[in-house]
Protein backbone atom coordinates (compact mmCIF):
# COMPACT_ATOMS: atom_id res chain seq x y z
CA UNK A 1 0.00 0.00 0.00
CA UNK A 2 1.23 3.49 -0.77
CA UNK A 3 0.70 6.21 1.81
CA UNK A 4 2.08 9.74 1.42
CA UNK A 5 4.23 8.61 -1.47
CA UNK A 6 5.91 5.83 0.52
CA UNK A 7 5.32 2.11 0.29
CA UNK A 8 4.18 0.48 3.53
CA UNK A 9 5.32 -3.03 4.37
CA UNK A 10 1.71 -4.18 4.69
CA UNK A 11 -1.68 -2.48 4.82
CA UNK A 12 -2.14 -2.74 8.59
CA UNK A 13 1.21 -1.30 9.61
CA UNK A 14 0.87 1.04 12.58
CA UNK A 15 -2.89 0.56 12.96
CA UNK A 16 -3.07 -1.92 15.82
CA UNK A 17 -6.07 -0.36 17.57
CA UNK A 18 -8.12 -0.13 14.37
CA UNK A 19 -7.18 -3.63 13.32
CA UNK A 20 -8.01 -5.01 16.76
CA UNK A 21 -11.42 -3.29 16.81
CA UNK A 22 -12.20 -4.63 13.33
CA UNK A 23 -11.13 -8.12 14.42
CA UNK A 24 -13.34 -7.95 17.52
CA UNK A 25 -16.35 -6.77 15.50
CA UNK A 26 -16.02 -9.59 12.98
CA UNK A 27 -15.22 -12.16 15.67
CA UNK A 28 -18.26 -11.19 17.78
CA UNK A 29 -20.47 -11.45 14.70
CA UNK A 30 -19.12 -14.94 14.09
CA UNK A 31 -19.55 -15.99 17.73
CA UNK A 32 -23.01 -14.39 17.76
CA UNK A 33 -24.02 -16.53 14.82
CA UNK A 34 -22.98 -19.65 16.73
CA UNK A 35 -24.83 -18.46 19.85
CA UNK A 36 -27.96 -17.96 17.74
CA UNK A 37 -27.93 -21.68 17.03
CA UNK A 38 -28.23 -22.29 20.78
CA UNK A 39 -31.80 -20.95 20.60
CA UNK A 40 -32.69 -23.24 17.69
CA UNK A 41 -35.76 -25.26 18.62
CA UNK A 42 -38.43 -27.09 16.65
CA UNK A 43 -40.92 -24.46 17.81
CA UNK A 44 -38.58 -21.54 17.08
CA UNK A 45 -36.85 -22.14 13.76
CA UNK A 46 -37.09 -18.98 11.68
CA UNK A 47 -35.78 -16.30 14.03
CA UNK A 48 -32.61 -18.13 15.20
CA UNK A 49 -32.04 -19.50 11.69
CA UNK A 50 -32.27 -16.12 10.00
CA UNK A 51 -30.18 -14.50 12.74
CA UNK A 52 -27.52 -17.19 12.26
CA UNK A 53 -27.46 -16.74 8.48
CA UNK A 54 -27.30 -12.94 8.70
CA UNK A 55 -24.55 -12.84 11.31
CA UNK A 56 -22.50 -15.62 9.73
CA UNK A 57 -22.70 -14.11 6.24
CA UNK A 58 -22.18 -10.60 7.62
CA UNK A 59 -18.99 -11.57 9.41
CA UNK A 60 -17.39 -12.92 6.23
CA UNK A 61 -18.76 -10.09 4.08
CA UNK A 62 -17.39 -7.44 6.45
CA UNK A 63 -13.99 -9.08 6.60
CA UNK A 64 -13.64 -9.67 2.87
CA UNK A 65 -15.48 -6.82 1.18
CA UNK A 66 -15.34 -3.92 3.65
CA UNK A 67 -12.18 -4.37 5.71
CA UNK A 68 -10.18 -6.25 3.07
CA UNK A 69 -10.37 -3.51 0.41
CA UNK A 70 -7.62 -1.29 1.79
CA UNK A 71 -5.27 -2.05 -1.10
CA UNK A 72 -7.61 -1.25 -4.00
CA UNK A 73 -6.88 2.52 -4.27
CA UNK A 74 -9.84 3.08 -6.59
CA UNK A 75 -8.91 0.06 -8.71
CA UNK A 76 -5.77 1.68 -10.14
CA UNK A 77 -2.94 -0.45 -11.42
CA UNK A 78 0.03 0.77 -9.40
CA UNK A 79 2.60 -1.80 -10.44
CA UNK A 80 3.65 -3.30 -13.68
CA UNK A 81 4.23 -6.86 -14.74
CA UNK A 82 7.15 -7.57 -12.40
CA UNK A 83 6.27 -5.20 -9.56
CA UNK A 84 7.95 -2.17 -11.05
CA UNK A 85 6.16 1.21 -10.95
CA UNK A 86 4.11 2.22 -13.95
CA UNK A 87 6.37 5.13 -14.86
CA UNK A 88 9.26 2.68 -15.11
CA UNK A 89 7.14 0.61 -17.47
CA UNK A 90 6.51 3.67 -19.62
CA UNK A 91 10.20 4.45 -19.78
CA UNK A 92 11.00 0.82 -20.59
CA UNK A 93 8.36 0.82 -23.35
CA UNK A 94 9.75 4.00 -24.85
CA UNK A 95 13.29 2.63 -24.73
CA UNK A 96 12.17 -0.62 -26.34
CA UNK A 97 10.45 1.35 -29.12
CA UNK A 98 13.67 3.24 -29.71
CA UNK A 99 15.68 0.05 -29.77
CA UNK A 100 13.21 -1.58 -32.17
CA UNK A 101 13.61 1.34 -34.57
CA UNK A 102 17.41 1.14 -34.52
CA UNK A 103 18.86 -2.36 -34.27
CA UNK A 104 21.91 -2.78 -32.06
CA UNK A 105 25.12 -3.97 -33.70
CA UNK A 106 27.58 -5.75 -31.45
C-alpha atoms as a PDB file:
ATOM      1  CA  UNK A   1       0.000   0.000   0.000  1.00  0.00           C
ATOM      2  CA  UNK A   2       1.235   3.488  -0.771  1.00  0.00           C
ATOM      3  CA  UNK A   3       0.696   6.209   1.812  1.00  0.00           C
ATOM      4  CA  UNK A   4       2.077   9.740   1.421  1.00  0.00           C
ATOM      5  CA  UNK A   5       4.233   8.606  -1.470  1.00  0.00           C
ATOM      6  CA  UNK A   6       5.914   5.831   0.523  1.00  0.00           C
ATOM      7  CA  UNK A   7       5.316   2.109   0.290  1.00  0.00           C
ATOM      8  CA  UNK A   8       4.184   0.484   3.531  1.00  0.00           C
ATOM      9  CA  UNK A   9       5.321  -3.030   4.368  1.00  0.00           C
ATOM     10  CA  UNK A  10       1.709  -4.180   4.689  1.00  0.00           C
ATOM     11  CA  UNK A  11      -1.675  -2.484   4.819  1.00  0.00           C
ATOM     12  CA  UNK A  12      -2.138  -2.740   8.591  1.00  0.00           C
ATOM     13  CA  UNK A  13       1.206  -1.299   9.611  1.00  0.00           C
ATOM     14  CA  UNK A  14       0.871   1.036  12.582  1.00  0.00           C
ATOM     15  CA  UNK A  15      -2.889   0.565  12.960  1.00  0.00           C
ATOM     16  CA  UNK A  16      -3.071  -1.919  15.824  1.00  0.00           C
ATOM     17  CA  UNK A  17      -6.075  -0.365  17.567  1.00  0.00           C
ATOM     18  CA  UNK A  18      -8.124  -0.126  14.368  1.00  0.00           C
ATOM     19  CA  UNK A  19      -7.183  -3.633  13.316  1.00  0.00           C
ATOM     20  CA  UNK A  20      -8.012  -5.010  16.759  1.00  0.00           C
ATOM     21  CA  UNK A  21     -11.421  -3.286  16.809  1.00  0.00           C
ATOM     22  CA  UNK A  22     -12.196  -4.626  13.331  1.00  0.00           C
ATOM     23  CA  UNK A  23     -11.134  -8.121  14.420  1.00  0.00           C
ATOM     24  CA  UNK A  24     -13.340  -7.948  17.517  1.00  0.00           C
ATOM     25  CA  UNK A  25     -16.351  -6.768  15.501  1.00  0.00           C
ATOM     26  CA  UNK A  26     -16.020  -9.593  12.980  1.00  0.00           C
ATOM     27  CA  UNK A  27     -15.220 -12.161  15.674  1.00  0.00           C
ATOM     28  CA  UNK A  28     -18.261 -11.194  17.778  1.00  0.00           C
ATOM     29  CA  UNK A  29     -20.473 -11.448  14.703  1.00  0.00           C
ATOM     30  CA  UNK A  30     -19.116 -14.941  14.089  1.00  0.00           C
ATOM     31  CA  UNK A  31     -19.550 -15.988  17.725  1.00  0.00           C
ATOM     32  CA  UNK A  32     -23.005 -14.391  17.763  1.00  0.00           C
ATOM     33  CA  UNK A  33     -24.016 -16.533  14.822  1.00  0.00           C
ATOM     34  CA  UNK A  34     -22.977 -19.647  16.730  1.00  0.00           C
ATOM     35  CA  UNK A  35     -24.827 -18.464  19.848  1.00  0.00           C
ATOM     36  CA  UNK A  36     -27.962 -17.963  17.742  1.00  0.00           C
ATOM     37  CA  UNK A  37     -27.929 -21.683  17.031  1.00  0.00           C
ATOM     38  CA  UNK A  38     -28.234 -22.294  20.784  1.00  0.00           C
ATOM     39  CA  UNK A  39     -31.797 -20.950  20.596  1.00  0.00           C
ATOM     40  CA  UNK A  40     -32.694 -23.237  17.694  1.00  0.00           C
ATOM     41  CA  UNK A  41     -35.759 -25.259  18.619  1.00  0.00           C
ATOM     42  CA  UNK A  42     -38.426 -27.089  16.654  1.00  0.00           C
ATOM     43  CA  UNK A  43     -40.921 -24.457  17.806  1.00  0.00           C
ATOM     44  CA  UNK A  44     -38.578 -21.538  17.075  1.00  0.00           C
ATOM     45  CA  UNK A  45     -36.848 -22.137  13.761  1.00  0.00           C
ATOM     46  CA  UNK A  46     -37.091 -18.981  11.685  1.00  0.00           C
ATOM     47  CA  UNK A  47     -35.778 -16.304  14.027  1.00  0.00           C
ATOM     48  CA  UNK A  48     -32.613 -18.135  15.198  1.00  0.00           C
ATOM     49  CA  UNK A  49     -32.040 -19.504  11.691  1.00  0.00           C
ATOM     50  CA  UNK A  50     -32.268 -16.123  10.004  1.00  0.00           C
ATOM     51  CA  UNK A  51     -30.178 -14.504  12.736  1.00  0.00           C
ATOM     52  CA  UNK A  52     -27.517 -17.190  12.258  1.00  0.00           C
ATOM     53  CA  UNK A  53     -27.465 -16.744   8.483  1.00  0.00           C
ATOM     54  CA  UNK A  54     -27.302 -12.943   8.695  1.00  0.00           C
ATOM     55  CA  UNK A  55     -24.545 -12.837  11.312  1.00  0.00           C
ATOM     56  CA  UNK A  56     -22.496 -15.619   9.729  1.00  0.00           C
ATOM     57  CA  UNK A  57     -22.703 -14.106   6.240  1.00  0.00           C
ATOM     58  CA  UNK A  58     -22.179 -10.601   7.620  1.00  0.00           C
ATOM     59  CA  UNK A  59     -18.989 -11.573   9.407  1.00  0.00           C
ATOM     60  CA  UNK A  60     -17.392 -12.922   6.228  1.00  0.00           C
ATOM     61  CA  UNK A  61     -18.759 -10.090   4.083  1.00  0.00           C
ATOM     62  CA  UNK A  62     -17.386  -7.439   6.447  1.00  0.00           C
ATOM     63  CA  UNK A  63     -13.991  -9.084   6.604  1.00  0.00           C
ATOM     64  CA  UNK A  64     -13.643  -9.671   2.868  1.00  0.00           C
ATOM     65  CA  UNK A  65     -15.480  -6.817   1.176  1.00  0.00           C
ATOM     66  CA  UNK A  66     -15.342  -3.922   3.649  1.00  0.00           C
ATOM     67  CA  UNK A  67     -12.183  -4.369   5.707  1.00  0.00           C
ATOM     68  CA  UNK A  68     -10.179  -6.251   3.075  1.00  0.00           C
ATOM     69  CA  UNK A  69     -10.369  -3.512   0.411  1.00  0.00           C
ATOM     70  CA  UNK A  70      -7.623  -1.294   1.789  1.00  0.00           C
ATOM     71  CA  UNK A  71      -5.268  -2.054  -1.103  1.00  0.00           C
ATOM     72  CA  UNK A  72      -7.606  -1.252  -3.996  1.00  0.00           C
ATOM     73  CA  UNK A  73      -6.885   2.521  -4.274  1.00  0.00           C
ATOM     74  CA  UNK A  74      -9.840   3.076  -6.589  1.00  0.00           C
ATOM     75  CA  UNK A  75      -8.907   0.058  -8.706  1.00  0.00           C
ATOM     76  CA  UNK A  76      -5.772   1.682 -10.138  1.00  0.00           C
ATOM     77  CA  UNK A  77      -2.942  -0.446 -11.420  1.00  0.00           C
ATOM     78  CA  UNK A  78       0.029   0.768  -9.399  1.00  0.00           C
ATOM     79  CA  UNK A  79       2.597  -1.802 -10.441  1.00  0.00           C
ATOM     80  CA  UNK A  80       3.649  -3.301 -13.680  1.00  0.00           C
ATOM     81  CA  UNK A  81       4.226  -6.857 -14.743  1.00  0.00           C
ATOM     82  CA  UNK A  82       7.151  -7.567 -12.405  1.00  0.00           C
ATOM     83  CA  UNK A  83       6.269  -5.199  -9.558  1.00  0.00           C
ATOM     84  CA  UNK A  84       7.947  -2.172 -11.052  1.00  0.00           C
ATOM     85  CA  UNK A  85       6.160   1.208 -10.952  1.00  0.00           C
ATOM     86  CA  UNK A  86       4.111   2.222 -13.950  1.00  0.00           C
ATOM     87  CA  UNK A  87       6.372   5.132 -14.857  1.00  0.00           C
ATOM     88  CA  UNK A  88       9.263   2.676 -15.112  1.00  0.00           C
ATOM     89  CA  UNK A  89       7.137   0.609 -17.465  1.00  0.00           C
ATOM     90  CA  UNK A  90       6.513   3.666 -19.617  1.00  0.00           C
ATOM     91  CA  UNK A  91      10.204   4.452 -19.777  1.00  0.00           C
ATOM     92  CA  UNK A  92      10.997   0.819 -20.588  1.00  0.00           C
ATOM     93  CA  UNK A  93       8.361   0.818 -23.346  1.00  0.00           C
ATOM     94  CA  UNK A  94       9.755   4.003 -24.854  1.00  0.00           C
ATOM     95  CA  UNK A  95      13.288   2.628 -24.732  1.00  0.00           C
ATOM     96  CA  UNK A  96      12.173  -0.618 -26.345  1.00  0.00           C
ATOM     97  CA  UNK A  97      10.454   1.350 -29.120  1.00  0.00           C
ATOM     98  CA  UNK A  98      13.667   3.240 -29.713  1.00  0.00           C
ATOM     99  CA  UNK A  99      15.682   0.047 -29.771  1.00  0.00           C
ATOM    100  CA  UNK A 100      13.212  -1.579 -32.170  1.00  0.00           C
ATOM    101  CA  UNK A 101      13.607   1.336 -34.572  1.00  0.00           C
ATOM    102  CA  UNK A 102      17.414   1.144 -34.519  1.00  0.00           C
ATOM    103  CA  UNK A 103      18.861  -2.362 -34.272  1.00  0.00           C
ATOM    104  CA  UNK A 104      21.909  -2.780 -32.065  1.00  0.00           C
ATOM    105  CA  UNK A 105      25.116  -3.971 -33.702  1.00  0.00           C
ATOM    106  CA  UNK A 106      27.583  -5.746 -31.451  1.00  0.00           C
END
